[in-house]
Amino acid sequence: MFNVLLYRIALVFLNHLPHKLCYWLADRVADGQYLFSFRDRRAVRYNLTKVSGAKHVSGRQVRNVFRYFGRYLVDFFQMRRFLNEDYIRRHVRVEGWKHMEDVLRRERRGIVLTAHLGNWELGAAILRRLGVPLSVVALRHRHTWINDLFNAQRQRQGLGLIPVERAARECPKLLREQRFVAIVGDRDFYGRGIPTDFLGGKAMIPRGAAVFAWKTSAPIVPVFLRREGYHQWTLRVRRPIWPVEPKGQKEREIQQIVKAYLAVIEEEIRMDPTQWLIFREFDR
């Protein structure tokens, strides 16, 4: 319900109002959801407690997760107004780009792995602006108008679209054609993941990135866009995970790849758990 309300506000206002005013409006809606949605608030508090290892997290920390989600939507729906090469040069600090350059030079293809952290949609658009030929695996929303709205924004940024139900067929094909595919790897929405130790619990984790790496020997490149302030970001490219040559032990080797990239995702989430935008208990 929280997401649908914010999407409707995005559709009506975000293409017309100044960015700071949109942030203010999104914060007000987020504050209302924080106050009135016990279920979402409980889930966020639970996740923050598990991630931090603390017995108690403050209401301000919980509320910030709601606000960051609202601001994520503002940035996503307004990026066609501000995102260009000059914006990236002035507002995005890029760390570890040598890893991407290495993959581009050696393979010219790869699996960009990220999480529901910071702003993964804006991160994909920035990668495309930096010259990475990228297609994104897109989750289909229940509401057709939301689905169309998101996909239109992605296409405006030159991103290819891979519906999640066709990912098993299209991702290996694109990788063999020396392109990059982007996958969010911290939440299984379809019940086809594998139970894995994650952030101190046992969570269902999507296995797609690992399966595609195993099938095609394409490297996995973890990439995260973290918010550092108003219109300030850090795009962090982590060391690639190069899959070993398959030896026929498919499930075991896939689980090893999943564990390798989950360790990176865990490290990134723990840097600032309030930017991990998950509104369900991650291990339940």
Protein backbone atom coordinates (compact mmCIF):
# COMPACT_ATOMS: atom_id res chain seq x y z
CA MET A 1 0.00 0.00 0.00
CA PHE A 2 2.88 2.35 0.83
CA ASN A 3 4.42 1.80 -2.60
CA VAL A 4 1.16 2.30 -4.50
CA LEU A 5 0.45 5.59 -2.71
CA LEU A 6 3.90 6.94 -3.49
CA TYR A 7 3.67 5.80 -7.11
CA ARG A 8 0.43 7.76 -7.53
CA ILE A 9 2.05 10.87 -6.09
CA ALA A 10 4.99 10.33 -8.44
CA LEU A 11 2.71 10.06 -11.44
CA VAL A 12 0.86 13.29 -10.64
CA PHE A 13 3.61 15.57 -9.33
CA LEU A 14 7.19 14.47 -9.90
CA ASN A 15 7.55 15.52 -13.52
CA HIS A 16 6.42 19.09 -12.80
CA LEU A 17 7.64 20.25 -9.38
CA PRO A 18 11.13 21.31 -8.24
CA HIS A 19 13.30 18.51 -6.92
CA LYS A 20 13.58 19.79 -3.34
CA LEU A 21 9.83 20.30 -3.11
CA CYS A 22 9.31 16.74 -4.35
CA TYR A 23 11.65 15.51 -1.62
CA TRP A 24 9.64 17.45 0.97
CA LEU A 25 6.37 15.95 -0.27
CA ALA A 26 7.82 12.45 -0.37
CA ASP A 27 9.10 12.86 3.19
CA ARG A 28 5.63 13.89 4.39
CA VAL A 29 3.98 10.87 2.77
CA ALA A 30 6.72 8.62 4.13
CA ASP A 31 6.23 10.02 7.62
CA GLY A 32 2.52 9.26 7.37
CA GLN A 33 3.18 5.70 6.31
CA TYR A 34 5.69 5.31 9.13
CA LEU A 35 3.06 6.43 11.62
CA PHE A 36 0.06 4.49 10.31
CA SER A 37 1.44 1.26 8.84
CA PHE A 38 2.26 -0.96 11.79
CA ARG A 39 3.16 -3.90 9.54
CA ASP A 40 5.73 -2.00 7.46
CA ARG A 41 7.17 -0.28 10.53
CA ARG A 42 7.53 -3.59 12.35
CA ALA A 43 9.26 -5.21 9.37
CA VAL A 44 11.73 -2.34 8.96
CA ARG A 45 12.52 -2.29 12.67
CA TYR A 46 13.07 -6.05 12.64
CA ASN A 47 15.44 -5.82 9.66
CA LEU A 48 17.45 -2.96 11.16
CA THR A 49 17.78 -4.85 14.45
CA LYS A 50 18.98 -8.01 12.73
CA VAL A 51 21.43 -6.20 10.47
CA SER A 52 22.94 -4.01 13.19
CA GLY A 53 22.93 -6.66 15.89
CA ALA A 54 21.50 -4.08 18.30
CA LYS A 55 18.70 -4.84 20.74
CA HIS A 56 17.01 -1.55 19.91
CA VAL A 57 16.99 0.84 16.97
CA SER A 58 15.60 4.35 17.18
CA GLY A 59 12.37 5.51 15.61
CA ARG A 60 14.40 7.99 13.60
CA GLN A 61 16.38 5.19 11.96
CA VAL A 62 13.18 3.34 11.08
CA ARG A 63 11.56 6.48 9.72
CA ASN A 64 14.62 7.22 7.58
CA VAL A 65 14.09 3.97 5.67
CA PHE A 66 10.62 5.19 4.68
CA ARG A 67 11.99 8.60 3.72
CA TYR A 68 14.82 7.11 1.67
CA PHE A 69 12.29 5.07 -0.27
CA GLY A 70 10.25 8.17 -1.04
CA ARG A 71 13.37 9.99 -2.20
CA TYR A 72 14.39 6.99 -4.29
CA LEU A 73 11.14 7.41 -6.21
CA VAL A 74 11.68 11.15 -6.64
CA ASP A 75 15.14 10.58 -8.12
CA PHE A 76 13.96 7.73 -10.33
CA PHE A 77 11.03 9.61 -11.83
CA GLN A 78 12.93 12.89 -12.24
CA MET A 79 16.19 11.52 -13.58
CA ARG A 80 15.27 12.31 -17.17
CA ARG A 81 15.28 15.98 -16.10
CA PHE A 82 18.71 16.03 -14.47
CA LEU A 83 20.78 12.97 -15.40
CA ASN A 84 23.52 13.73 -17.92
CA GLU A 85 27.30 13.53 -18.14
CA ASP A 86 27.76 16.87 -16.37
CA TYR A 87 25.57 15.75 -13.46
CA ILE A 88 27.59 12.55 -13.09
CA ARG A 89 30.85 14.49 -13.12
CA ARG A 90 29.65 16.93 -10.42
CA HIS A 91 27.50 14.73 -8.19
CA VAL A 92 28.65 11.11 -8.47
CA ARG A 93 31.86 9.85 -6.93
CA VAL A 94 32.85 6.66 -8.72
CA GLU A 95 34.90 4.12 -6.79
CA GLY A 96 36.47 0.98 -8.20
CA TRP A 97 35.83 1.78 -11.86
CA LYS A 98 39.03 -0.08 -12.72
CA HIS A 99 37.11 -3.29 -12.01
CA MET A 100 34.51 -2.44 -14.64
CA GLU A 101 37.19 -1.42 -17.09
CA ASP A 102 38.90 -4.75 -16.54
CA VAL A 103 35.71 -6.65 -17.30
CA LEU A 104 34.97 -4.47 -20.34
CA ARG A 105 38.47 -5.10 -21.66
CA ARG A 106 38.65 -8.84 -20.96
CA GLU A 107 35.09 -10.02 -21.50
CA ARG A 108 32.95 -7.13 -22.83
CA ARG A 109 30.05 -8.71 -20.94
CA GLY A 110 29.03 -9.34 -17.36
CA ILE A 111 26.30 -9.65 -14.75
CA VAL A 112 25.86 -6.43 -12.79
CA LEU A 113 24.64 -7.47 -9.36
CA THR A 114 23.10 -5.01 -6.94
CA ALA A 115 20.63 -4.84 -4.05
CA HIS A 116 17.62 -2.76 -2.95
CA LEU A 117 20.13 -0.31 -1.55
CA GLY A 118 20.43 3.43 -2.12
CA ASN A 119 19.02 3.87 -5.62
CA TRP A 120 19.56 0.83 -7.83
CA GLU A 121 17.47 2.24 -10.69
CA LEU A 122 19.46 5.45 -10.89
CA GLY A 123 22.63 3.37 -10.58
CA ALA A 124 21.71 1.39 -13.70
CA ALA A 125 21.04 4.60 -15.62
CA ILE A 126 24.41 6.01 -14.56
CA LEU A 127 26.19 2.85 -15.70
CA ARG A 128 24.50 3.18 -19.08
CA ARG A 129 25.66 6.81 -19.31
CA LEU A 130 29.19 5.63 -18.52
CA GLY A 131 29.15 3.34 -21.53
CA VAL A 132 28.06 -0.04 -20.17
CA PRO A 133 25.65 -1.76 -22.65
CA LEU A 134 23.13 -2.73 -20.00
CA SER A 135 19.77 -4.48 -19.87
CA VAL A 136 17.91 -4.81 -16.57
CA VAL A 137 15.82 -7.67 -15.26
CA ALA A 138 12.54 -5.96 -14.36
CA LEU A 139 10.09 -7.20 -11.77
CA ARG A 140 6.51 -7.07 -13.04
CA HIS A 141 4.19 -5.04 -10.80
CA ARG A 142 0.63 -6.12 -10.11
CA HIS A 143 -0.67 -2.79 -11.39
CA THR A 144 -0.18 -2.42 -15.13
CA TRP A 145 0.06 1.36 -14.97
CA ILE A 146 2.92 1.12 -12.43
CA ASN A 147 4.70 -1.43 -14.60
CA ASP A 148 4.39 0.78 -17.69
CA LEU A 149 5.52 3.84 -15.75
CA PHE A 150 8.70 2.16 -14.52
CA ASN A 151 9.57 0.63 -17.87
CA ALA A 152 9.11 3.94 -19.68
CA GLN A 153 11.58 5.59 -17.31
CA ARG A 154 14.12 2.82 -17.88
CA GLN A 155 13.79 2.94 -21.64
CA ARG A 156 14.29 6.72 -21.67
CA GLN A 157 17.73 6.07 -20.19
CA GLY A 158 18.66 3.64 -22.96
CA LEU A 159 18.32 0.56 -20.79
CA GLY A 160 17.17 -2.72 -22.28
CA LEU A 161 14.30 -4.47 -20.50
CA ILE A 162 14.15 -8.13 -19.54
CA PRO A 163 10.81 -9.18 -17.97
CA VAL A 164 11.62 -11.43 -15.04
CA GLU A 165 9.55 -14.27 -16.47
CA ARG A 166 11.79 -14.29 -19.58
CA ALA A 167 15.10 -13.79 -17.79
CA ALA A 168 16.08 -17.48 -17.84
CA ARG A 169 16.06 -17.43 -21.63
CA GLU A 170 17.11 -13.86 -22.46
CA CYS A 171 19.95 -13.26 -19.97
CA PRO A 172 22.23 -16.09 -21.23
CA LYS A 173 21.49 -14.97 -24.81
CA LEU A 174 22.50 -11.36 -24.08
CA LEU A 175 25.62 -12.46 -22.22
CA ARG A 176 26.71 -14.59 -25.18
CA GLU A 177 26.16 -11.50 -27.36
CA GLN A 178 28.67 -9.64 -25.13
CA ARG A 179 26.24 -7.42 -23.29
CA PHE A 180 25.66 -6.74 -19.60
CA VAL A 181 22.58 -7.69 -17.62
CA ALA A 182 21.64 -6.19 -14.25
CA ILE A 183 20.00 -8.20 -11.48
CA VAL A 184 18.90 -7.27 -7.96
CA GLY A 185 20.07 -10.18 -5.83
CA ASP A 186 18.92 -9.65 -2.23
CA ARG A 187 15.22 -10.56 -2.34
CA ASP A 188 13.33 -13.52 -3.82
CA PHE A 189 9.84 -12.42 -4.90
CA TYR A 190 8.77 -15.61 -6.67
CA GLY A 191 9.62 -18.43 -4.27
CA ARG A 192 12.24 -19.94 -6.57
CA GLY A 193 15.31 -18.92 -4.59
CA ILE A 194 17.55 -20.99 -2.38
CA PRO A 195 17.71 -20.78 1.44
CA THR A 196 21.01 -19.17 2.35
CA ASP A 197 22.65 -17.66 5.44
CA PHE A 198 22.19 -13.92 5.09
CA LEU A 199 22.65 -11.12 7.62
CA GLY A 200 22.42 -13.46 10.57
CA GLY A 201 19.30 -15.26 9.38
CA LYS A 202 18.23 -17.81 6.79
CA ALA A 203 16.71 -16.07 3.77
CA MET A 204 15.44 -17.11 0.36
CA ILE A 205 17.88 -15.62 -2.12
CA PRO A 206 17.37 -15.46 -5.90
CA ARG A 207 19.78 -17.74 -7.73
CA GLY A 208 19.50 -16.19 -11.21
CA ALA A 209 22.81 -14.32 -11.20
CA ALA A 210 24.67 -17.44 -10.08
CA VAL A 211 22.92 -19.66 -12.63
CA PHE A 212 23.72 -17.30 -15.51
CA ALA A 213 27.35 -17.03 -14.42
CA TRP A 214 27.58 -20.81 -14.17
CA LYS A 215 26.04 -21.32 -17.62
CA THR A 216 28.01 -18.67 -19.50
CA SER A 217 31.19 -18.18 -17.40
CA ALA A 218 30.38 -14.45 -17.38
CA PRO A 219 31.78 -12.51 -14.40
CA ILE A 220 29.51 -11.02 -11.74
CA VAL A 221 30.26 -7.36 -11.05
CA PRO A 222 28.70 -6.08 -7.79
CA VAL A 223 27.72 -2.40 -8.15
CA PHE A 224 25.94 -0.17 -5.63
CA LEU A 225 24.79 3.46 -5.72
CA ARG A 226 24.69 4.92 -2.22
CA ARG A 227 23.19 8.26 -1.23
CA GLU A 228 25.69 10.64 0.41
CA GLY A 229 23.54 13.76 0.67
CA TYR A 230 21.27 15.95 -1.43
CA HIS A 231 22.14 15.01 -5.02
CA GLN A 232 25.42 13.45 -3.89
CA TRP A 233 26.16 9.81 -4.57
CA THR A 234 28.85 7.18 -4.45
CA LEU A 235 28.82 4.58 -7.21
CA ARG A 236 30.91 1.70 -5.92
CA VAL A 237 32.08 -1.05 -8.26
CA ARG A 238 33.34 -4.05 -6.32
CA ARG A 239 35.86 -6.67 -7.37
CA PRO A 240 34.35 -9.03 -9.98
CA ILE A 241 33.47 -12.58 -9.06
CA TRP A 242 34.93 -14.80 -11.78
CA PRO A 243 33.16 -18.18 -11.90
CA VAL A 244 35.31 -21.27 -12.14
CA GLU A 245 34.93 -23.62 -15.07
CA PRO A 246 31.86 -25.81 -14.40
CA LYS A 247 32.78 -29.31 -13.25
CA GLY A 248 29.33 -30.85 -13.39
CA GLN A 249 28.41 -30.23 -9.74
CA LYS A 250 25.81 -27.65 -10.69
CA GLU A 251 23.92 -27.01 -7.45
CA ARG A 252 27.02 -26.99 -5.30
CA GLU A 253 28.83 -24.59 -7.61
CA ILE A 254 25.80 -22.30 -7.88
CA GLN A 255 25.53 -22.13 -4.09
CA GLN A 256 29.21 -21.20 -3.88
CA ILE A 257 28.67 -18.32 -6.30
CA VAL A 258 25.61 -17.14 -4.33
CA LYS A 259 27.59 -17.16 -1.07
CA ALA A 260 30.40 -15.19 -2.70
CA TYR A 261 28.18 -12.34 -3.84
CA LEU A 262 26.00 -12.36 -0.73
CA ALA A 263 29.09 -11.59 1.34
CA VAL A 264 29.55 -8.42 -0.72
CA ILE A 265 25.88 -7.45 -0.43
CA GLU A 266 25.99 -7.96 3.35
CA GLU A 267 29.02 -5.70 3.65
CA GLU A 268 27.33 -2.95 1.64
CA ILE A 269 24.08 -3.13 3.61
CA ARG A 270 25.87 -2.97 6.95
CA MET A 271 27.59 0.28 5.94
CA ASP A 272 24.21 2.03 6.28
CA PRO A 273 21.24 -0.27 6.93
CA THR A 274 18.78 2.64 6.69
CA GLN A 275 19.42 2.73 2.92
CA TRP A 276 18.32 -0.91 2.53
CA LEU A 277 14.77 -0.41 1.29
CA ILE A 278 13.04 -3.66 2.21
CA PHE A 279 9.59 -3.57 3.84
CA ARG A 280 9.24 -7.25 4.70
CA GLU A 281 11.15 -9.29 7.28
CA PHE A 282 14.00 -10.48 5.10
CA ASP A 283 14.35 -13.94 6.67
CA ARG A 284 10.66 -14.81 7.12
